[in-house]
Amino acid sequence: MSTITKKELVNRIADRIQQSKLLTRDVIQMFLDEIVRELGTGNRLEFREFGVFEVRKRAARKAQNPRTLDKVTVPMKHVVKFKVGRQMKEVVDRLPTPGKNGVSAPINAP
């Protein structure tokens, strides 16, 4: 498994749509900015077959500092929840189980 950066995605998409990397990067960044802005206002984003992003409240709770074992209060906070869509779930479910050396073959997603 490897990490794919935004730059790599920009390069792939720019090649596929035969547009400049600069334009492609700007469009992708605008898309990501819109997601953040909508979540920042508390809206839910649904992308059919991909998944759903939504903001949820995580209740205040009591926790314990593992070093000192002191009890601490963790305040309520908002977190982003992602629920995977059907198509993504199907693709991820087909991931092969890693072999003896922990390496698995890549999957071609639709």
Protein backbone atom coordinates (compact mmCIF):
# COMPACT_ATOMS: atom_id res chain seq x y z
CA MET A 1 0.00 0.00 0.00
CA SER A 2 1.31 3.45 -0.81
CA THR A 3 0.30 7.05 -0.22
CA ILE A 4 -1.07 9.01 -3.16
CA THR A 5 -0.72 12.78 -2.93
CA LYS A 6 -2.92 15.50 -4.38
CA LYS A 7 -0.11 16.24 -6.84
CA GLU A 8 -0.22 12.68 -8.16
CA LEU A 9 -4.01 12.84 -8.55
CA VAL A 10 -3.69 16.16 -10.37
CA ASN A 11 -1.17 14.64 -12.77
CA ARG A 12 -3.38 11.60 -13.47
CA ILE A 13 -6.56 13.61 -13.99
CA ALA A 14 -4.84 16.28 -16.11
CA ASP A 15 -3.53 13.55 -18.41
CA ARG A 16 -6.94 11.87 -18.67
CA ILE A 17 -8.86 15.04 -19.48
CA GLN A 18 -6.03 16.54 -21.52
CA GLN A 19 -6.00 19.80 -19.55
CA SER A 20 -3.16 21.67 -17.90
CA LYS A 21 -2.00 20.56 -14.49
CA LEU A 22 -2.48 24.10 -13.23
CA LEU A 23 -6.16 24.21 -14.23
CA THR A 24 -6.74 20.68 -12.92
CA ARG A 25 -5.07 21.52 -9.60
CA ASP A 26 -7.20 24.65 -9.23
CA VAL A 27 -10.44 22.76 -9.91
CA ILE A 28 -9.55 19.99 -7.45
CA GLN A 29 -8.60 22.55 -4.80
CA MET A 30 -11.86 24.46 -5.33
CA PHE A 31 -13.78 21.18 -4.94
CA LEU A 32 -11.97 20.39 -1.68
CA ASP A 33 -12.49 23.96 -0.42
CA GLU A 34 -16.23 23.67 -1.10
CA ILE A 35 -16.41 20.41 0.87
CA VAL A 36 -14.67 22.06 3.82
CA ARG A 37 -16.91 25.15 3.59
CA GLU A 38 -20.12 23.10 3.50
CA LEU A 39 -19.03 20.92 6.41
CA GLY A 40 -18.03 24.09 8.27
CA THR A 41 -21.61 25.31 8.04
CA GLY A 42 -22.93 21.98 9.29
CA ASN A 43 -24.22 20.72 5.94
CA ARG A 44 -24.21 17.08 4.88
CA LEU A 45 -22.55 16.18 1.56
CA GLU A 46 -23.79 13.15 -0.33
CA PHE A 47 -21.98 11.78 -3.35
CA ARG A 48 -23.98 8.85 -4.75
CA GLU A 49 -22.03 5.59 -4.93
CA PHE A 50 -19.02 7.30 -3.27
CA GLY A 51 -20.16 8.21 0.23
CA VAL A 52 -21.56 10.76 2.64
CA PHE A 53 -19.72 13.35 4.73
CA GLU A 54 -21.48 14.81 7.74
CA VAL A 55 -20.65 16.67 10.91
CA ARG A 56 -21.58 15.03 14.20
CA LYS A 57 -21.25 16.05 17.82
CA ARG A 58 -18.99 13.94 19.97
CA ALA A 59 -20.29 14.22 23.53
CA ALA A 60 -18.15 15.38 26.42
CA ARG A 61 -16.66 12.47 28.32
CA LYS A 62 -14.35 11.46 31.12
CA ALA A 63 -10.99 9.99 30.11
CA GLN A 64 -7.76 9.00 31.77
CA ASN A 65 -4.26 10.27 31.04
CA PRO A 66 -2.29 7.07 30.30
CA ARG A 67 0.95 8.47 31.74
CA THR A 68 -0.32 9.90 35.00
CA LEU A 69 -3.59 7.96 35.30
CA ASP A 70 -5.26 11.27 36.22
CA LYS A 71 -8.92 11.64 35.27
CA VAL A 72 -9.54 14.37 32.70
CA THR A 73 -12.64 15.84 31.10
CA VAL A 74 -12.69 15.80 27.31
CA PRO A 75 -15.03 18.54 26.07
CA MET A 76 -17.75 18.10 23.45
CA LYS A 77 -16.49 18.60 19.91
CA HIS A 78 -17.64 18.34 16.32
CA VAL A 79 -16.15 15.63 14.13
CA VAL A 80 -16.51 14.78 10.45
CA LYS A 81 -18.00 11.35 9.81
CA PHE A 82 -17.66 9.60 6.45
CA LYS A 83 -19.95 6.75 5.48
CA VAL A 84 -18.65 4.81 2.51
CA GLY A 85 -20.89 4.42 -0.53
CA ARG A 86 -21.83 1.19 -2.29
CA GLN A 87 -19.42 1.43 -5.21
CA MET A 88 -16.43 2.30 -3.03
CA LYS A 89 -17.33 -0.48 -0.59
CA GLU A 90 -17.42 -3.01 -3.42
CA VAL A 91 -14.00 -1.92 -4.72
CA VAL A 92 -12.40 -1.94 -1.26
CA ASP A 93 -13.96 -5.32 -0.43
CA ARG A 94 -12.07 -6.78 -3.40
CA LEU A 95 -8.68 -5.83 -1.95
CA PRO A 96 -6.54 -8.94 -1.79
CA THR A 97 -5.30 -10.24 1.53
CA PRO A 98 -1.60 -9.37 1.93
CA GLY A 99 0.78 -12.24 1.25
CA LYS A 100 3.66 -13.49 3.36
CA ASN A 101 5.72 -10.36 2.75
CA GLY A 102 2.77 -8.03 3.41
CA VAL A 103 2.58 -6.90 -0.22
CA SER A 104 -0.61 -7.13 -2.25
CA ALA A 105 -1.36 -6.46 -5.89
CA PRO A 106 -3.07 -3.17 -6.86
CA ILE A 107 -6.76 -3.09 -7.79
CA ASN A 108 -8.13 -1.35 -10.85
CA ALA A 109 -11.05 0.75 -9.66
CA PRO A 110 -13.84 1.69 -12.09
